[in-house]
PDB file of N, CA and C in Angstrom:
ATOM      1  N   MET A   1     138.616 132.282 137.693  1.00  0.00           N
ATOM      2  CA  MET A   1     138.472 131.664 139.005  1.00  0.00           C
ATOM      3  C   MET A   1     137.952 132.682 140.019  1.00  0.00           C
ATOM      4  N   ALA A   2     138.490 133.886 140.012  1.00  0.00           N
ATOM      5  CA  ALA A   2     138.069 134.908 140.970  1.00  0.00           C
ATOM      6  C   ALA A   2     136.622 135.304 140.753  1.00  0.00           C
ATOM      7  N   GLU A   3     136.180 135.344 139.486  1.00  0.00           N
ATOM      8  CA  GLU A   3     134.795 135.727 139.202  1.00  0.00           C
ATOM      9  C   GLU A   3     133.812 134.701 139.768  1.00  0.00           C
ATOM     10  N   ALA A   4     134.139 133.426 139.640  1.00  0.00           N
ATOM     11  CA  ALA A   4     133.275 132.382 140.195  1.00  0.00           C
ATOM     12  C   ALA A   4     133.216 132.487 141.713  1.00  0.00           C
ATOM     13  N   THR A   5     134.339 132.797 142.331  1.00  0.00           N
ATOM     14  CA  THR A   5     134.405 132.962 143.782  1.00  0.00           C
ATOM     15  C   THR A   5     133.578 134.171 144.202  1.00  0.00           C
ATOM     16  N   ASP A   6     133.681 135.263 143.441  1.00  0.00           N
ATOM     17  CA  ASP A   6     132.907 136.468 143.732  1.00  0.00           C
ATOM     18  C   ASP A   6     131.414 136.194 143.627  1.00  0.00           C
ATOM     19  N   ASP A   7     131.009 135.453 142.588  1.00  0.00           N
ATOM     20  CA  ASP A   7     129.596 135.110 142.412  1.00  0.00           C
ATOM     21  C   ASP A   7     129.107 134.254 143.566  1.00  0.00           C
ATOM     22  N   ARG A   8     129.909 133.309 143.951  1.00  0.00           N
ATOM     23  CA  ARG A   8     129.539 132.417 145.058  1.00  0.00           C
ATOM     24  C   ARG A   8     129.354 133.223 146.347  1.00  0.00           C
ATOM     25  N   LEU A   9     130.294 134.116 146.622  1.00  0.00           N
ATOM     26  CA  LEU A   9     130.218 134.958 147.813  1.00  0.00           C
ATOM     27  C   LEU A   9     128.958 135.817 147.779  1.00  0.00           C
ATOM     28  N   ARG A  10     128.676 136.436 146.636  1.00  0.00           N
ATOM     29  CA  ARG A  10     127.495 137.279 146.505  1.00  0.00           C
ATOM     30  C   ARG A  10     126.225 136.469 146.767  1.00  0.00           C
ATOM     31  N   LEU A  11     126.146 135.276 146.214  1.00  0.00           N
ATOM     32  CA  LEU A  11     124.977 134.414 146.420  1.00  0.00           C
ATOM     33  C   LEU A  11     124.815 134.029 147.887  1.00  0.00           C
ATOM     34  N   LEU A  12     125.922 133.721 148.539  1.00  0.00           N
ATOM     35  CA  LEU A  12     125.861 133.377 149.961  1.00  0.00           C
ATOM     36  C   LEU A  12     125.392 134.564 150.797  1.00  0.00           C
ATOM     37  N   ILE A  13     125.928 135.741 150.502  1.00  0.00           N
ATOM     38  CA  ILE A  13     125.527 136.956 151.225  1.00  0.00           C
ATOM     39  C   ILE A  13     124.043 137.224 151.013  1.00  0.00           C
ATOM     40  N   GLU A  14     123.568 137.106 149.786  1.00  0.00           N
ATOM     41  CA  GLU A  14     122.156 137.344 149.494  1.00  0.00           C
ATOM     42  C   GLU A  14     121.261 136.344 150.211  1.00  0.00           C
ATOM     43  N   ARG A  15     121.703 135.092 150.283  1.00  0.00           N
ATOM     44  CA  ARG A  15     120.937 134.076 151.030  1.00  0.00           C
ATOM     45  C   ARG A  15     120.822 134.446 152.498  1.00  0.00           C
ATOM     46  N   ILE A  16     121.947 134.852 153.079  1.00  0.00           N
ATOM     47  CA  ILE A  16     121.947 135.242 154.491  1.00  0.00           C
ATOM     48  C   ILE A  16     121.025 136.436 154.697  1.00  0.00           C
ATOM     49  N   GLU A  17     121.078 137.396 153.791  1.00  0.00           N
ATOM     50  CA  GLU A  17     120.209 138.570 153.914  1.00  0.00           C
ATOM     51  C   GLU A  17     118.725 138.179 153.870  1.00  0.00           C
ATOM     52  N   ARG A  18     118.369 137.277 152.986  1.00  0.00           N
ATOM     53  CA  ARG A  18     116.968 136.809 152.913  1.00  0.00           C
ATOM     54  C   ARG A  18     116.560 136.096 154.194  1.00  0.00           C
ATOM     55  N   LEU A  19     117.444 135.252 154.707  1.00  0.00           N
ATOM     56  CA  LEU A  19     117.153 134.538 155.950  1.00  0.00           C
ATOM     57  C   LEU A  19     117.027 135.494 157.126  1.00  0.00           C
ATOM     58  N   GLU A  20     117.875 136.502 157.182  1.00  0.00           N
ATOM     59  CA  GLU A  20     117.789 137.509 158.248  1.00  0.00           C
ATOM     60  C   GLU A  20     116.442 138.226 158.182  1.00  0.00           C
ATOM     61  N   GLU A  21     115.978 138.531 156.982  1.00  0.00           N
ATOM     62  CA  GLU A  21     114.683 139.194 156.813  1.00  0.00           C
ATOM     63  C   GLU A  21     113.549 138.278 157.271  1.00  0.00           C
ATOM     64  N   GLU A  22     113.645 136.987 156.926  1.00  0.00           N
ATOM     65  CA  GLU A  22     112.637 136.022 157.384  1.00  0.00           C
ATOM     66  C   GLU A  22     112.645 135.919 158.904  1.00  0.00           C
ATOM     67  N   LYS A  23     113.847 135.911 159.486  1.00  0.00           N
ATOM     68  CA  LYS A  23     113.983 135.824 160.943  1.00  0.00           C
ATOM     69  C   LYS A  23     113.321 137.029 161.599  1.00  0.00           C
ATOM     70  N   LYS A  24     113.515 138.206 161.032  1.00  0.00           N
ATOM     71  CA  LYS A  24     112.895 139.419 161.571  1.00  0.00           C
ATOM     72  C   LYS A  24     111.375 139.297 161.496  1.00  0.00           C
ATOM     73  N   GLY A  25     110.875 138.784 160.382  1.00  0.00           N
ATOM     74  CA  GLY A  25     109.432 138.597 160.233  1.00  0.00           C
ATOM     75  C   GLY A  25     108.880 137.629 161.270  1.00  0.00           C
ATOM     76  N   ILE A  26     109.589 136.557 161.524  1.00  0.00           N
ATOM     77  CA  ILE A  26     109.154 135.574 162.523  1.00  0.00           C
ATOM     78  C   ILE A  26     109.191 136.191 163.915  1.00  0.00           C
ATOM     79  N   ALA A  27     110.244 136.972 164.211  1.00  0.00           N
ATOM     80  CA  ALA A  27     110.328 137.640 165.515  1.00  0.00           C
ATOM     81  C   ALA A  27     109.150 138.595 165.696  1.00  0.00           C
ATOM     82  N   ASP A  28     108.781 139.301 164.635  1.00  0.00           N
ATOM     83  CA  ASP A  28     107.620 140.198 164.696  1.00  0.00           C
ATOM     84  C   ASP A  28     106.341 139.410 164.963  1.00  0.00           C
ATOM     85  N   ASP A  29     106.201 138.253 164.318  1.00  0.00           N
ATOM     86  CA  ASP A  29     105.022 137.406 164.527  1.00  0.00           C
ATOM     87  C   ASP A  29     104.940 136.926 165.979  1.00  0.00           C
ATOM     88  N   ILE A  30     106.083 136.525 166.528  1.00  0.00           N
ATOM     89  CA  ILE A  30     106.124 136.060 167.921  1.00  0.00           C
ATOM     90  C   ILE A  30     105.729 137.192 168.861  1.00  0.00           C
ATOM     91  N   ARG A  31     106.241 138.385 168.598  1.00  0.00           N
ATOM     92  CA  ARG A  31     105.896 139.553 169.407  1.00  0.00           C
ATOM     93  C   ARG A  31     104.387 139.810 169.362  1.00  0.00           C
ATOM     94  N   ASP A  32     103.803 139.657 168.175  1.00  0.00           N
ATOM     95  CA  ASP A  32     102.356 139.846 168.025  1.00  0.00           C
ATOM     96  C   ASP A  32     101.564 138.826 168.844  1.00  0.00           C
ATOM     97  N   VAL A  33     102.027 137.586 168.873  1.00  0.00           N
ATOM     98  CA  VAL A  33     101.339 136.551 169.643  1.00  0.00           C
ATOM     99  C   VAL A  33     101.404 136.869 171.134  1.00  0.00           C
ATOM    100  N   TYR A  34     102.565 137.313 171.606  1.00  0.00           N
ATOM    101  CA  TYR A  34     102.677 137.706 173.011  1.00  0.00           C
ATOM    102  C   TYR A  34     101.760 138.892 173.324  1.00  0.00           C
ATOM    103  N   ALA A  35     101.677 139.841 172.412  1.00  0.00           N
ATOM    104  CA  ALA A  35     100.784 140.990 172.620  1.00  0.00           C
ATOM    105  C   ALA A  35      99.332 140.533 172.689  1.00  0.00           C
ATOM    106  N   GLU A  36      98.964 139.585 171.854  1.00  0.00           N
ATOM    107  CA  GLU A  36      97.602 139.030 171.876  1.00  0.00           C
ATOM    108  C   GLU A  36      97.344 138.327 173.204  1.00  0.00           C
ATOM    109  N   ALA A  37      98.308 137.544 173.661  1.00  0.00           N
ATOM    110  CA  ALA A  37      98.161 136.830 174.928  1.00  0.00           C
ATOM    111  C   ALA A  37      97.983 137.820 176.075  1.00  0.00           C
ATOM    112  N   LYS A  38      98.791 138.880 176.066  1.00  0.00           N
ATOM    113  CA  LYS A  38      98.694 139.895 177.115  1.00  0.00           C
ATOM    114  C   LYS A  38      97.333 140.587 177.069  1.00  0.00           C
ATOM    115  N   ALA A  39      96.841 140.850 175.868  1.00  0.00           N
ATOM    116  CA  ALA A  39      95.561 141.539 175.703  1.00  0.00           C
ATOM    117  C   ALA A  39      94.388 140.740 176.281  1.00  0.00           C
ATOM    118  N   VAL A  40      94.510 139.413 176.281  1.00  0.00           N
ATOM    119  CA  VAL A  40      93.425 138.591 176.833  1.00  0.00           C
ATOM    120  C   VAL A  40      93.685 138.180 178.274  1.00  0.00           C
ATOM    121  N   GLY A  41      94.758 138.742 178.881  1.00  0.00           N
ATOM    122  CA  GLY A  41      94.964 138.557 180.303  1.00  0.00           C
ATOM    123  C   GLY A  41      96.027 137.570 180.745  1.00  0.00           C
ATOM    124  N   TYR A  42      96.766 136.987 179.806  1.00  0.00           N
ATOM    125  CA  TYR A  42      97.822 136.055 180.209  1.00  0.00           C
ATOM    126  C   TYR A  42      99.072 136.826 180.636  1.00  0.00           C
ATOM    127  N   ASP A  43      99.826 136.237 181.546  1.00  0.00           N
ATOM    128  CA  ASP A  43     101.074 136.822 182.021  1.00  0.00           C
ATOM    129  C   ASP A  43     102.191 136.395 181.063  1.00  0.00           C
ATOM    130  N   VAL A  44     102.638 137.334 180.257  1.00  0.00           N
ATOM    131  CA  VAL A  44     103.617 137.044 179.214  1.00  0.00           C
ATOM    132  C   VAL A  44     104.951 136.602 179.809  1.00  0.00           C
ATOM    133  N   LYS A  45     105.341 137.188 180.930  1.00  0.00           N
ATOM    134  CA  LYS A  45     106.602 136.810 181.566  1.00  0.00           C
ATOM    135  C   LYS A  45     106.585 135.323 181.945  1.00  0.00           C
ATOM    136  N   ILE A  46     105.469 134.874 182.489  1.00  0.00           N
ATOM    137  CA  ILE A  46     105.336 133.456 182.858  1.00  0.00           C
ATOM    138  C   ILE A  46     105.309 132.580 181.607  1.00  0.00           C
ATOM    139  N   MET A  47     104.623 133.048 180.568  1.00  0.00           N
ATOM    140  CA  MET A  47     104.594 132.291 179.304  1.00  0.00           C
ATOM    141  C   MET A  47     106.012 132.086 178.769  1.00  0.00           C
ATOM    142  N   ARG A  48     106.846 133.124 178.832  1.00  0.00           N
ATOM    143  CA  ARG A  48     108.230 133.008 178.354  1.00  0.00           C
ATOM    144  C   ARG A  48     109.009 131.989 179.190  1.00  0.00           C
ATOM    145  N   GLN A  49     108.754 131.979 180.505  1.00  0.00           N
ATOM    146  CA  GLN A  49     109.422 130.993 181.365  1.00  0.00           C
ATOM    147  C   GLN A  49     108.985 129.575 181.003  1.00  0.00           C
ATOM    148  N   ILE A  50     107.692 129.394 180.756  1.00  0.00           N
ATOM    149  CA  ILE A  50     107.179 128.066 180.389  1.00  0.00           C
ATOM    150  C   ILE A  50     107.811 127.604 179.078  1.00  0.00           C
ATOM    151  N   ILE A  51     107.892 128.493 178.107  1.00  0.00           N
ATOM    152  CA  ILE A  51     108.494 128.134 176.822  1.00  0.00           C
ATOM    153  C   ILE A  51     109.954 127.745 177.009  1.00  0.00           C
ATOM    154  N   ARG A  52     110.684 128.503 177.840  1.00  0.00           N
ATOM    155  CA  ARG A  52     112.084 128.166 178.123  1.00  0.00           C
ATOM    156  C   ARG A  52     112.186 126.784 178.771  1.00  0.00           C
ATOM    157  N   LEU A  53     111.288 126.507 179.723  1.00  0.00           N
ATOM    158  CA  LEU A  53     111.306 125.205 180.399  1.00  0.00           C
ATOM    159  C   LEU A  53     110.975 124.068 179.429  1.00  0.00           C
ATOM    160  N   ARG A  54     110.017 124.296 178.538  1.00  0.00           N
ATOM    161  CA  ARG A  54     109.621 123.250 177.588  1.00  0.00           C
ATOM    162  C   ARG A  54     110.728 122.916 176.595  1.00  0.00           C
ATOM    163  N   LYS A  55     111.653 123.852 176.368  1.00  0.00           N
ATOM    164  CA  LYS A  55     112.776 123.598 175.465  1.00  0.00           C
ATOM    165  C   LYS A  55     113.813 122.673 176.101  1.00  0.00           C
ATOM    166  N   MET A  56     113.812 122.623 177.435  1.00  0.00           N
ATOM    167  CA  MET A  56     114.810 121.829 178.156  1.00  0.00           C
ATOM    168  C   MET A  56     114.480 120.342 178.089  1.00  0.00           C
ATOM    169  N   LYS A  57     115.516 119.543 178.229  1.00  0.00           N
ATOM    170  CA  LYS A  57     115.312 118.106 178.379  1.00  0.00           C
ATOM    171  C   LYS A  57     114.707 117.879 179.759  1.00  0.00           C
ATOM    172  N   PRO A  58     113.865 116.846 179.900  1.00  0.00           N
ATOM    173  CA  PRO A  58     113.198 116.610 181.189  1.00  0.00           C
ATOM    174  C   PRO A  58     114.153 116.511 182.380  1.00  0.00           C
ATOM    175  N   ASP A  59     115.294 115.846 182.204  1.00  0.00           N
ATOM    176  CA  ASP A  59     116.215 115.710 183.335  1.00  0.00           C
ATOM    177  C   ASP A  59     116.867 117.047 183.694  1.00  0.00           C
ATOM    178  N   GLU A  60     117.145 117.881 182.693  1.00  0.00           N
ATOM    179  CA  GLU A  60     117.700 119.214 182.973  1.00  0.00           C
ATOM    180  C   GLU A  60     116.670 120.075 183.715  1.00  0.00           C
ATOM    181  N   ARG A  61     115.430 119.989 183.265  1.00  0.00           N
ATOM    182  CA  ARG A  61     114.359 120.756 183.900  1.00  0.00           C
ATOM    183  C   ARG A  61     114.168 120.315 185.345  1.00  0.00           C
ATOM    184  N   SER A  62     114.175 119.028 185.575  1.00  0.00           N
ATOM    185  CA  SER A  62     114.011 118.492 186.922  1.00  0.00           C
ATOM    186  C   SER A  62     115.151 118.938 187.831  1.00  0.00           C
ATOM    187  N   GLU A  63     116.379 118.886 187.296  1.00  0.00           N
ATOM    188  CA  GLU A  63     117.539 119.307 188.080  1.00  0.00           C
ATOM    189  C   GLU A  63     117.434 120.788 188.438  1.00  0.00           C
ATOM    190  N   GLN A  64     117.045 121.610 187.479  1.00  0.00           N
ATOM    191  CA  GLN A  64     116.924 123.039 187.729  1.00  0.00           C
ATOM    192  C   GLN A  64     115.838 123.321 188.767  1.00  0.00           C
ATOM    193  N   GLU A  65     114.708 122.623 188.672  1.00  0.00           N
ATOM    194  CA  GLU A  65     113.630 122.817 189.637  1.00  0.00           C
ATOM    195  C   GLU A  65     114.064 122.399 191.042  1.00  0.00           C
ATOM    196  N   THR A  66     114.834 121.315 191.132  1.00  0.00           N
ATOM    197  CA  THR A  66     115.335 120.861 192.428  1.00  0.00           C
ATOM    198  C   THR A  66     116.270 121.896 193.040  1.00  0.00           C
ATOM    199  N   ILE A  67     117.179 122.427 192.238  1.00  0.00           N
ATOM    200  CA  ILE A  67     118.109 123.444 192.736  1.00  0.00           C
ATOM    201  C   ILE A  67     117.340 124.694 193.157  1.00  0.00           C
ATOM    202  N   LEU A  68     116.358 125.098 192.362  1.00  0.00           N
ATOM    203  CA  LEU A  68     115.547 126.262 192.706  1.00  0.00           C
ATOM    204  C   LEU A  68     114.829 126.051 194.035  1.00  0.00           C
ATOM    205  N   ASP A  69     114.229 124.878 194.213  1.00  0.00           N
ATOM    206  CA  ASP A  69     113.553 124.564 195.475  1.00  0.00           C
ATOM    207  C   ASP A  69     114.529 124.595 196.652  1.00  0.00           C
ATOM    208  N   THR A  70     115.737 124.075 196.453  1.00  0.00           N
ATOM    209  CA  THR A  70     116.759 124.080 197.501  1.00  0.00           C
ATOM    210  C   THR A  70     117.139 125.509 197.887  1.00  0.00           C
ATOM    211  N   TYR A  71     117.352 126.362 196.894  1.00  0.00           N
ATOM    212  CA  TYR A  71     117.700 127.746 197.161  1.00  0.00           C
ATOM    213  C   TYR A  71     116.565 128.480 197.863  1.00  0.00           C
ATOM    214  N   LYS A  72     115.340 128.239 197.414  1.00  0.00           N
ATOM    215  CA  LYS A  72     114.185 128.892 198.041  1.00  0.00           C
ATOM    216  C   LYS A  72     114.069 128.470 199.495  1.00  0.00           C
ATOM    217  N   ALA A  73     114.246 127.191 199.759  1.00  0.00           N
ATOM    218  CA  ALA A  73     114.173 126.688 201.152  1.00  0.00           C
ATOM    219  C   ALA A  73     115.270 127.312 201.999  1.00  0.00           C
ATOM    220  N   ALA A  74     116.471 127.427 201.450  1.00  0.00           N
ATOM    221  CA  ALA A  74     117.588 128.009 202.187  1.00  0.00           C
ATOM    222  C   ALA A  74     117.337 129.476 202.530  1.00  0.00           C
ATOM    223  N   LEU A  75     116.542 130.139 201.713  1.00  0.00           N
ATOM    224  CA  LEU A  75     116.236 131.551 201.938  1.00  0.00           C
ATOM    225  C   LEU A  75     114.923 131.751 202.675  1.00  0.00           C
ATOM    226  N   GLY A  76     114.314 130.641 203.113  1.00  0.00           N
ATOM    227  CA  GLY A  76     113.065 130.725 203.869  1.00  0.00           C
ATOM    228  C   GLY A  76     111.879 131.138 203.010  1.00  0.00           C
ATOM    229  N   MET A  77     111.941 130.819 201.731  1.00  0.00           N
ATOM    230  CA  MET A  77     110.867 131.199 200.825  1.00  0.00           C
ATOM    231  C   MET A  77     109.870 130.065 200.603  1.00  0.00           C
ATOM    232  N   GLY A  78     110.055 128.988 201.354  1.00  0.00           N
ATOM    233  CA  GLY A  78     109.120 127.856 201.322  1.00  0.00           C
ATOM    234  C   GLY A  78     109.051 127.200 200.029  1.00  0.00           C
TER     235      GLY A  78
END
């Protein structure tokens, strides 16, 4: 019984290790795309904000934009 449990644990650990390696590869690819965007003149900081906004549900995004506008107005930032 213990040997089967040990094998199962080892397989799970190895799976996680492979996935972590894939995740690192994907993160490297994303970094490369941002570097390419920057090289052709795009503002990477703004691109990251747009991506964050696109992940949000429309109503959450609208609420956040409304609050941001309210805060900006309160601070005289128009």
